[in-house]
Amino acid sequence: MGEKDVEVKFADGVLRIKGEKQEERVERKRGYHMRERSFGSFERSFQVPEGVDADTIKTSFKKGKLIVTFPKRREQRVEK
């Protein structure tokens, strides 16, 4: 699944991740022709915890992995 196949939305304190994959394989050899298609989709929803700065939620897609970062609000951070 690639980055273009995944959609991430945040609204009303809920993060929604939705994806769809479509794949087609064609094989032609002497005496036969084969075409195989596969489809799959998913959707997940997560309640974002209190204290998360919704305006700074970041997403990235690297090597087939979706990475979502939830920074805490400035007043929620603990100074060390």
C-alpha atoms as a PDB file:
ATOM      1  CA  MET A   1       0.000   0.000   0.000  1.00  0.00           C
ATOM      2  CA  GLY A   2       1.360   3.395  -0.899  1.00  0.00           C
ATOM      3  CA  GLU A   3       0.900   6.867   0.520  1.00  0.00           C
ATOM      4  CA  LYS A   4      -1.713   7.721  -2.116  1.00  0.00           C
ATOM      5  CA  ASP A   5      -3.818   4.756  -0.948  1.00  0.00           C
ATOM      6  CA  VAL A   6      -4.146   6.034   2.652  1.00  0.00           C
ATOM      7  CA  GLU A   7      -6.308   8.904   3.913  1.00  0.00           C
ATOM      8  CA  VAL A   8      -5.965  10.428   7.397  1.00  0.00           C
ATOM      9  CA  LYS A   9      -8.554  12.838   8.810  1.00  0.00           C
ATOM     10  CA  PHE A  10      -8.982  14.460  12.213  1.00  0.00           C
ATOM     11  CA  ALA A  11     -12.308  15.943  13.352  1.00  0.00           C
ATOM     12  CA  ASP A  12     -14.191  16.283  16.654  1.00  0.00           C
ATOM     13  CA  GLY A  13     -11.419  14.595  18.653  1.00  0.00           C
ATOM     14  CA  VAL A  14     -11.391  11.475  16.438  1.00  0.00           C
ATOM     15  CA  LEU A  15      -8.563  10.396  14.113  1.00  0.00           C
ATOM     16  CA  ARG A  16      -9.779   8.355  11.123  1.00  0.00           C
ATOM     17  CA  ILE A  17      -7.410   6.310   8.981  1.00  0.00           C
ATOM     18  CA  LYS A  18      -8.800   4.815   5.789  1.00  0.00           C
ATOM     19  CA  GLY A  19      -7.049   2.873   3.056  1.00  0.00           C
ATOM     20  CA  GLU A  20      -7.753   0.928  -0.086  1.00  0.00           C
ATOM     21  CA  LYS A  21      -5.534  -1.315  -2.151  1.00  0.00           C
ATOM     22  CA  GLN A  22      -6.138  -2.512  -5.669  1.00  0.00           C
ATOM     23  CA  GLU A  23      -3.739  -4.832  -7.401  1.00  0.00           C
ATOM     24  CA  GLU A  24      -3.779  -6.483 -10.802  1.00  0.00           C
ATOM     25  CA  ARG A  25      -1.447  -9.155 -12.104  1.00  0.00           C
ATOM     26  CA  VAL A  26      -1.301 -10.318 -15.707  1.00  0.00           C
ATOM     27  CA  GLU A  27       0.619 -13.357 -16.867  1.00  0.00           C
ATOM     28  CA  ARG A  28       0.882 -14.380 -20.499  1.00  0.00           C
ATOM     29  CA  LYS A  29       2.571 -17.575 -21.514  1.00  0.00           C
ATOM     30  CA  ARG A  30       2.292 -19.874 -24.424  1.00  0.00           C
ATOM     31  CA  GLY A  31      -1.103 -21.526 -24.374  1.00  0.00           C
ATOM     32  CA  TYR A  32      -2.761 -19.372 -21.697  1.00  0.00           C
ATOM     33  CA  HIS A  33      -3.453 -15.875 -20.470  1.00  0.00           C
ATOM     34  CA  MET A  34      -4.130 -15.187 -16.772  1.00  0.00           C
ATOM     35  CA  ARG A  35      -5.431 -12.002 -15.169  1.00  0.00           C
ATOM     36  CA  GLU A  36      -5.783 -11.785 -11.385  1.00  0.00           C
ATOM     37  CA  ARG A  37      -7.223  -8.853  -9.430  1.00  0.00           C
ATOM     38  CA  SER A  38      -7.371  -8.288  -5.694  1.00  0.00           C
ATOM     39  CA  PHE A  39      -9.001  -5.524  -3.693  1.00  0.00           C
ATOM     40  CA  GLY A  40      -9.009  -4.678  -0.017  1.00  0.00           C
ATOM     41  CA  SER A  41      -9.938  -1.766   2.207  1.00  0.00           C
ATOM     42  CA  PHE A  42      -9.854  -0.829   5.866  1.00  0.00           C
ATOM     43  CA  GLU A  43     -10.965   1.993   8.131  1.00  0.00           C
ATOM     44  CA  ARG A  44     -10.008   2.623  11.755  1.00  0.00           C
ATOM     45  CA  SER A  45     -11.080   5.379  14.149  1.00  0.00           C
ATOM     46  CA  PHE A  46      -9.288   6.434  17.333  1.00  0.00           C
ATOM     47  CA  GLN A  47     -10.374   8.830  20.062  1.00  0.00           C
ATOM     48  CA  VAL A  48      -7.491  11.246  20.569  1.00  0.00           C
ATOM     49  CA  PRO A  49      -6.600  11.645  24.274  1.00  0.00           C
ATOM     50  CA  GLU A  50      -7.093  14.909  26.163  1.00  0.00           C
ATOM     51  CA  GLY A  51      -4.025  17.099  26.230  1.00  0.00           C
ATOM     52  CA  VAL A  52      -3.074  16.569  22.575  1.00  0.00           C
ATOM     53  CA  ASP A  53      -2.502  19.702  20.494  1.00  0.00           C
ATOM     54  CA  ALA A  54      -4.827  18.891  17.577  1.00  0.00           C
ATOM     55  CA  ASP A  55      -3.398  21.698  15.441  1.00  0.00           C
ATOM     56  CA  THR A  56       0.058  20.123  15.391  1.00  0.00           C
ATOM     57  CA  ILE A  57      -0.791  16.459  14.674  1.00  0.00           C
ATOM     58  CA  LYS A  58       1.624  15.289  11.970  1.00  0.00           C
ATOM     59  CA  THR A  59       1.598  12.315   9.635  1.00  0.00           C
ATOM     60  CA  SER A  60       4.325  10.857   7.454  1.00  0.00           C
ATOM     61  CA  PHE A  61       4.659   7.770   5.307  1.00  0.00           C
ATOM     62  CA  LYS A  62       8.048   6.072   5.105  1.00  0.00           C
ATOM     63  CA  LYS A  63       8.914   2.664   3.679  1.00  0.00           C
ATOM     64  CA  GLY A  64       5.303   1.496   3.794  1.00  0.00           C
ATOM     65  CA  LYS A  65       4.677   2.672   7.372  1.00  0.00           C
ATOM     66  CA  LEU A  66       2.242   5.380   8.393  1.00  0.00           C
ATOM     67  CA  ILE A  67       3.619   7.447  11.283  1.00  0.00           C
ATOM     68  CA  VAL A  68       1.246   9.689  13.271  1.00  0.00           C
ATOM     69  CA  THR A  69       2.682  12.083  15.868  1.00  0.00           C
ATOM     70  CA  PHE A  70       0.477  13.539  18.633  1.00  0.00           C
ATOM     71  CA  PRO A  71       2.298  16.426  20.360  1.00  0.00           C
ATOM     72  CA  LYS A  72       1.046  17.434  23.807  1.00  0.00           C
ATOM     73  CA  ARG A  73      -0.271  20.947  24.366  1.00  0.00           C
ATOM     74  CA  ARG A  74       2.394  23.278  25.669  1.00  0.00           C
ATOM     75  CA  GLU A  75       0.741  23.539  29.111  1.00  0.00           C
ATOM     76  CA  GLN A  76       0.597  19.709  29.335  1.00  0.00           C
ATOM     77  CA  ARG A  77       4.333  19.234  28.840  1.00  0.00           C
ATOM     78  CA  VAL A  78       6.421  18.547  31.908  1.00  0.00           C
ATOM     79  CA  GLU A  79       9.657  20.492  32.125  1.00  0.00           C
ATOM     80  CA  LYS A  80      12.690  18.426  33.166  1.00  0.00           C
END
